[in-house]
Protein backbone atom coordinates (compact mmCIF):
# COMPACT_ATOMS: atom_id res chain seq x y z
CA MET A 1 -13.10 -5.10 4.60
CA ASP A 2 -14.84 -5.69 1.30
CA SER A 3 -13.24 -5.70 -2.13
CA GLY A 4 -12.66 -2.14 -3.33
CA ASP A 5 -12.97 -0.58 0.12
CA LEU A 6 -10.54 2.21 0.90
CA GLU A 7 -9.08 1.90 4.39
CA THR A 8 -6.86 4.26 6.38
CA LEU A 9 -4.02 3.09 8.59
CA THR A 10 -2.79 5.53 11.21
CA LEU A 11 0.68 4.95 12.63
CA VAL A 12 1.69 6.53 15.91
CA THR A 13 5.45 6.55 16.21
CA ARG A 14 8.25 8.04 18.25
CA ALA A 15 11.40 9.35 16.60
CA ASN A 16 14.61 9.56 18.59
CA LEU A 17 16.45 12.86 18.68
CA PRO A 18 20.04 12.01 17.65
CA ASP A 19 21.43 15.18 19.24
CA VAL A 20 20.24 18.68 20.10
CA ASN A 21 21.72 20.13 16.91
CA THR A 22 19.68 17.95 14.54
CA THR A 23 16.81 19.79 12.85
CA THR A 24 15.41 17.08 10.54
CA ALA A 25 15.64 13.33 10.06
CA THR A 26 14.27 11.10 7.31
CA TYR A 27 12.86 7.63 7.99
CA THR A 28 11.68 5.03 5.46
CA ASN A 29 9.22 2.30 6.41
CA THR A 30 8.99 -0.72 4.09
CA ILE A 31 6.47 -3.52 4.51
CA SER A 32 5.95 -6.89 2.88
CA ASN A 33 3.00 -9.22 2.70
CA SER A 34 2.06 -12.68 1.62
CA GLN A 35 -1.35 -13.96 0.61
CA ASP A 36 -3.04 -17.20 -0.27
CA GLN A 37 -5.47 -15.65 -2.76
CA THR A 38 -5.03 -14.02 -6.16
CA ASP A 39 -5.17 -10.24 -6.02
CA THR A 40 -7.57 -8.93 -8.68
CA ASN A 41 -6.07 -5.44 -8.33
CA ILE A 42 -3.25 -5.49 -10.89
CA THR A 43 -1.84 -2.06 -10.01
CA ALA A 44 1.63 -2.14 -8.52
CA ASP A 45 1.91 -2.02 -4.74
CA ASP A 46 3.81 0.80 -3.04
CA PRO A 47 5.44 -0.98 -0.09
CA SER A 48 7.63 1.93 1.11
CA GLU A 49 6.84 5.32 2.52
CA THR A 50 9.36 7.96 3.55
CA ILE A 51 8.65 10.67 6.12
CA THR A 52 10.69 13.64 7.24
CA VAL A 53 10.56 14.57 10.92
CA ASN A 54 11.20 18.21 11.78
CA PHE A 55 12.49 18.60 15.30
CA ASN A 56 11.76 21.64 17.44
CA THR A 57 14.87 22.94 19.12
CA PRO A 58 14.53 22.51 22.88
CA LYS A 59 14.39 25.74 24.79
CA THR A 60 16.10 24.18 27.81
CA VAL A 61 18.55 21.30 27.97
CA ILE A 62 19.20 19.72 31.37
CA THR A 63 22.26 17.52 31.62
CA ASN A 64 23.87 15.74 34.57
CA ARG A 65 21.19 16.94 36.97
CA ARG A 66 19.31 14.78 39.41
CA ILE A 67 15.58 15.38 39.48
CA THR A 68 13.57 14.16 42.47
CA PHE A 69 9.82 13.76 42.36
CA ARG A 70 7.81 12.86 45.46
CA ALA A 71 4.37 11.33 44.93
CA THR A 72 1.79 11.12 47.69
CA ALA A 73 -1.09 8.66 47.79
CA ASN A 74 -4.64 9.91 48.25
């Protein structure tokens, strides 16, 4: 990465569903860094980002049911 280059970071995450009645949840990710060189970019860093996850209501909820799957080798 050269000075002045704009880079994109893609995060793939998994959000836990607290319960089946929850429709949204908000998560904040905060990072920190350290460096051994002087940063010539004097604009303030934005170390936190907040996202809102919208959950789709499950159409079927299975509870206390044993599911058996049999795999066969080729």
